[in-house]
Amino acid sequence: MKLKKILYMGLGCIGVALGALGAVLPLLPAFPFLLLAAFCFARSSERLNRWFTGTKLYKNNLESYVKGRGMTRKTKVKIMVTVTLLMSVGFVMMDQVPVGRIVLACVWVFHILYFMLGVKTIPKGQT
């Protein structure tokens, strides 16, 4: 049980670090890493979870999504563009692997549909 908590804490710290980098670097998405950190900290330590949910990084990037309100259009577009760019690199590199291209294309389509139809868009004035 203790090893599991330590693994969650470690993954959570990695998620925070990559999420912080993603908040600054344009090609690295912050959202999935911060979501990973929130998930891991919630399962490892109440103290770490309280600390993380109190950070500006969490409040600016995840809070509205976690509370079920959705995301701003800007955040959704940023995530979709970043993932599209990164997946297109993989798609180009798989020119000899047609099955890999098909799988990657299906994942990309699901990703776009999820963010367009599955995640609520918060109007500008309600952030």
C-alpha atoms as a PDB file:
ATOM      1  CA  MET A   1       0.000   0.000   0.000  1.00  0.00           C
ATOM      2  CA  LYS A   2       2.794   2.426   0.872  1.00  0.00           C
ATOM      3  CA  LEU A   3       4.651   1.691  -2.382  1.00  0.00           C
ATOM      4  CA  LYS A   4       1.491   2.521  -4.331  1.00  0.00           C
ATOM      5  CA  LYS A   5       1.217   5.909  -2.603  1.00  0.00           C
ATOM      6  CA  ILE A   6       4.878   6.650  -3.296  1.00  0.00           C
ATOM      7  CA  LEU A   7       4.400   5.812  -6.984  1.00  0.00           C
ATOM      8  CA  TYR A   8       1.355   8.095  -7.145  1.00  0.00           C
ATOM      9  CA  MET A   9       3.317  10.900  -5.464  1.00  0.00           C
ATOM     10  CA  GLY A  10       6.194  10.478  -7.906  1.00  0.00           C
ATOM     11  CA  LEU A  11       3.898  10.461 -10.931  1.00  0.00           C
ATOM     12  CA  GLY A  12       2.069  13.474  -9.529  1.00  0.00           C
ATOM     13  CA  CYS A  13       5.311  15.422  -9.152  1.00  0.00           C
ATOM     14  CA  ILE A  14       6.332  14.524 -12.702  1.00  0.00           C
ATOM     15  CA  GLY A  15       2.890  15.646 -13.882  1.00  0.00           C
ATOM     16  CA  VAL A  16       3.228  19.001 -12.107  1.00  0.00           C
ATOM     17  CA  ALA A  17       6.710  19.547 -13.547  1.00  0.00           C
ATOM     18  CA  LEU A  18       5.650  18.727 -17.109  1.00  0.00           C
ATOM     19  CA  GLY A  19       2.425  20.701 -16.686  1.00  0.00           C
ATOM     20  CA  ALA A  20       4.378  23.746 -15.517  1.00  0.00           C
ATOM     21  CA  LEU A  21       6.637  23.424 -18.567  1.00  0.00           C
ATOM     22  CA  GLY A  22       3.574  23.014 -20.766  1.00  0.00           C
ATOM     23  CA  ALA A  23       2.087  26.221 -19.395  1.00  0.00           C
ATOM     24  CA  VAL A  24       5.161  28.063 -20.707  1.00  0.00           C
ATOM     25  CA  LEU A  25       6.208  26.098 -23.811  1.00  0.00           C
ATOM     26  CA  PRO A  26       3.831  26.295 -26.769  1.00  0.00           C
ATOM     27  CA  LEU A  27       4.264  22.708 -28.051  1.00  0.00           C
ATOM     28  CA  LEU A  28       3.913  20.926 -24.719  1.00  0.00           C
ATOM     29  CA  PRO A  29       0.316  20.689 -23.501  1.00  0.00           C
ATOM     30  CA  ALA A  30      -0.110  21.472 -19.816  1.00  0.00           C
ATOM     31  CA  PHE A  31      -3.625  20.091 -19.391  1.00  0.00           C
ATOM     32  CA  PRO A  32      -3.031  16.307 -19.555  1.00  0.00           C
ATOM     33  CA  PHE A  33      -0.019  16.473 -17.248  1.00  0.00           C
ATOM     34  CA  LEU A  34      -1.870  18.593 -14.701  1.00  0.00           C
ATOM     35  CA  LEU A  35      -4.812  16.210 -14.895  1.00  0.00           C
ATOM     36  CA  LEU A  36      -2.395  13.351 -14.208  1.00  0.00           C
ATOM     37  CA  ALA A  37      -1.011  15.244 -11.210  1.00  0.00           C
ATOM     38  CA  ALA A  38      -4.507  15.894  -9.834  1.00  0.00           C
ATOM     39  CA  PHE A  39      -5.408  12.215 -10.227  1.00  0.00           C
ATOM     40  CA  CYS A  40      -2.202  10.998  -8.567  1.00  0.00           C
ATOM     41  CA  PHE A  41      -2.223  13.480  -5.695  1.00  0.00           C
ATOM     42  CA  ALA A  42      -5.873  12.689  -4.929  1.00  0.00           C
ATOM     43  CA  ARG A  43      -4.883   9.048  -4.465  1.00  0.00           C
ATOM     44  CA  SER A  44      -1.612   9.524  -2.640  1.00  0.00           C
ATOM     45  CA  SER A  45      -1.778  12.326  -0.097  1.00  0.00           C
ATOM     46  CA  GLU A  46      -4.481  14.650   1.190  1.00  0.00           C
ATOM     47  CA  ARG A  47      -1.808  17.238   1.972  1.00  0.00           C
ATOM     48  CA  LEU A  48      -0.330  17.183  -1.548  1.00  0.00           C
ATOM     49  CA  ASN A  49      -3.827  17.268  -3.031  1.00  0.00           C
ATOM     50  CA  ARG A  50      -4.742  20.370  -0.992  1.00  0.00           C
ATOM     51  CA  TRP A  51      -1.471  22.037  -1.972  1.00  0.00           C
ATOM     52  CA  PHE A  52      -1.921  21.266  -5.670  1.00  0.00           C
ATOM     53  CA  THR A  53      -5.549  22.374  -5.832  1.00  0.00           C
ATOM     54  CA  GLY A  54      -4.517  25.642  -4.200  1.00  0.00           C
ATOM     55  CA  THR A  55      -1.850  26.490  -6.794  1.00  0.00           C
ATOM     56  CA  LYS A  56      -2.365  29.081  -9.502  1.00  0.00           C
ATOM     57  CA  LEU A  57      -1.349  26.473 -12.080  1.00  0.00           C
ATOM     58  CA  TYR A  58      -4.298  24.275 -11.066  1.00  0.00           C
ATOM     59  CA  LYS A  59      -6.770  27.133 -10.817  1.00  0.00           C
ATOM     60  CA  ASN A  60      -5.873  28.584 -14.221  1.00  0.00           C
ATOM     61  CA  ASN A  61      -5.759  25.311 -16.153  1.00  0.00           C
ATOM     62  CA  LEU A  62      -7.868  22.630 -14.490  1.00  0.00           C
ATOM     63  CA  GLU A  63     -10.290  23.924 -11.886  1.00  0.00           C
ATOM     64  CA  SER A  64     -13.222  24.684 -14.179  1.00  0.00           C
ATOM     65  CA  TYR A  65     -12.853  21.352 -15.987  1.00  0.00           C
ATOM     66  CA  VAL A  66     -12.642  19.325 -12.785  1.00  0.00           C
ATOM     67  CA  LYS A  67     -15.711  21.094 -11.375  1.00  0.00           C
ATOM     68  CA  GLY A  68     -17.637  20.103 -14.516  1.00  0.00           C
ATOM     69  CA  ARG A  69     -18.007  23.611 -15.920  1.00  0.00           C
ATOM     70  CA  GLY A  70     -15.848  22.917 -18.974  1.00  0.00           C
ATOM     71  CA  MET A  71     -13.009  24.824 -20.647  1.00  0.00           C
ATOM     72  CA  THR A  72     -12.592  28.116 -22.396  1.00  0.00           C
ATOM     73  CA  ARG A  73     -12.538  28.056 -26.185  1.00  0.00           C
ATOM     74  CA  LYS A  74      -8.914  29.249 -26.122  1.00  0.00           C
ATOM     75  CA  THR A  75      -7.838  26.317 -23.917  1.00  0.00           C
ATOM     76  CA  LYS A  76      -9.691  23.790 -26.057  1.00  0.00           C
ATOM     77  CA  VAL A  77      -8.183  25.141 -29.278  1.00  0.00           C
ATOM     78  CA  LYS A  78      -4.693  25.191 -27.776  1.00  0.00           C
ATOM     79  CA  ILE A  79      -4.993  21.542 -26.728  1.00  0.00           C
ATOM     80  CA  MET A  80      -6.434  20.441 -30.071  1.00  0.00           C
ATOM     81  CA  VAL A  81      -3.770  22.280 -32.098  1.00  0.00           C
ATOM     82  CA  THR A  82      -0.922  20.941 -29.967  1.00  0.00           C
ATOM     83  CA  VAL A  83      -2.132  17.362 -30.153  1.00  0.00           C
ATOM     84  CA  THR A  84      -2.778  17.661 -33.889  1.00  0.00           C
ATOM     85  CA  LEU A  85       0.760  18.925 -34.504  1.00  0.00           C
ATOM     86  CA  LEU A  86       2.354  16.214 -32.385  1.00  0.00           C
ATOM     87  CA  MET A  87       0.216  13.448 -33.864  1.00  0.00           C
ATOM     88  CA  SER A  88       0.937  14.618 -37.397  1.00  0.00           C
ATOM     89  CA  VAL A  89       4.657  14.120 -36.737  1.00  0.00           C
ATOM     90  CA  GLY A  90       3.943  10.530 -35.709  1.00  0.00           C
ATOM     91  CA  PHE A  91       1.667  10.083 -38.712  1.00  0.00           C
ATOM     92  CA  VAL A  92       4.393  11.228 -41.113  1.00  0.00           C
ATOM     93  CA  MET A  93       6.982   9.011 -39.438  1.00  0.00           C
ATOM     94  CA  MET A  94       4.718   5.953 -39.854  1.00  0.00           C
ATOM     95  CA  ASP A  95       4.797   5.992 -43.648  1.00  0.00           C
ATOM     96  CA  GLN A  96       5.776   2.288 -43.676  1.00  0.00           C
ATOM     97  CA  VAL A  97       3.186   1.276 -41.046  1.00  0.00           C
ATOM     98  CA  PRO A  98      -0.330   1.706 -42.473  1.00  0.00           C
ATOM     99  CA  VAL A  99      -2.006   0.090 -39.452  1.00  0.00           C
ATOM    100  CA  GLY A 100      -0.212   2.544 -37.163  1.00  0.00           C
ATOM    101  CA  ARG A 101      -1.432   5.435 -39.295  1.00  0.00           C
ATOM    102  CA  ILE A 102      -5.009   4.166 -39.117  1.00  0.00           C
ATOM    103  CA  VAL A 103      -4.842   3.790 -35.324  1.00  0.00           C
ATOM    104  CA  LEU A 104      -3.273   7.233 -34.946  1.00  0.00           C
ATOM    105  CA  ALA A 105      -5.915   8.780 -37.204  1.00  0.00           C
ATOM    106  CA  CYS A 106      -8.698   7.151 -35.177  1.00  0.00           C
ATOM    107  CA  VAL A 107      -7.206   8.411 -31.905  1.00  0.00           C
ATOM    108  CA  TRP A 108      -6.897  11.911 -33.399  1.00  0.00           C
ATOM    109  CA  VAL A 109     -10.531  11.916 -34.596  1.00  0.00           C
ATOM    110  CA  PHE A 110     -11.736  10.719 -31.176  1.00  0.00           C
ATOM    111  CA  HIS A 111      -9.647  13.421 -29.487  1.00  0.00           C
ATOM    112  CA  ILE A 112     -11.098  16.195 -31.662  1.00  0.00           C
ATOM    113  CA  LEU A 113     -14.666  14.931 -31.254  1.00  0.00           C
ATOM    114  CA  TYR A 114     -14.246  14.649 -27.496  1.00  0.00           C
ATOM    115  CA  PHE A 115     -13.039  18.226 -27.118  1.00  0.00           C
ATOM    116  CA  MET A 116     -15.621  19.622 -29.551  1.00  0.00           C
ATOM    117  CA  LEU A 117     -18.646  17.680 -28.345  1.00  0.00           C
ATOM    118  CA  GLY A 118     -17.787  16.184 -24.956  1.00  0.00           C
ATOM    119  CA  VAL A 119     -16.214  19.117 -23.115  1.00  0.00           C
ATOM    120  CA  LYS A 120     -18.413  22.122 -22.408  1.00  0.00           C
ATOM    121  CA  THR A 121     -17.207  25.488 -23.650  1.00  0.00           C
ATOM    122  CA  ILE A 122     -17.259  28.234 -21.047  1.00  0.00           C
ATOM    123  CA  PRO A 123     -18.428  31.592 -22.424  1.00  0.00           C
ATOM    124  CA  LYS A 124     -15.859  34.404 -22.207  1.00  0.00           C
ATOM    125  CA  GLY A 125     -17.516  36.266 -19.344  1.00  0.00           C
ATOM    126  CA  GLN A 126     -17.854  33.248 -17.028  1.00  0.00           C
ATOM    127  CA  THR A 127     -14.190  32.286 -16.514  1.00  0.00           C
END
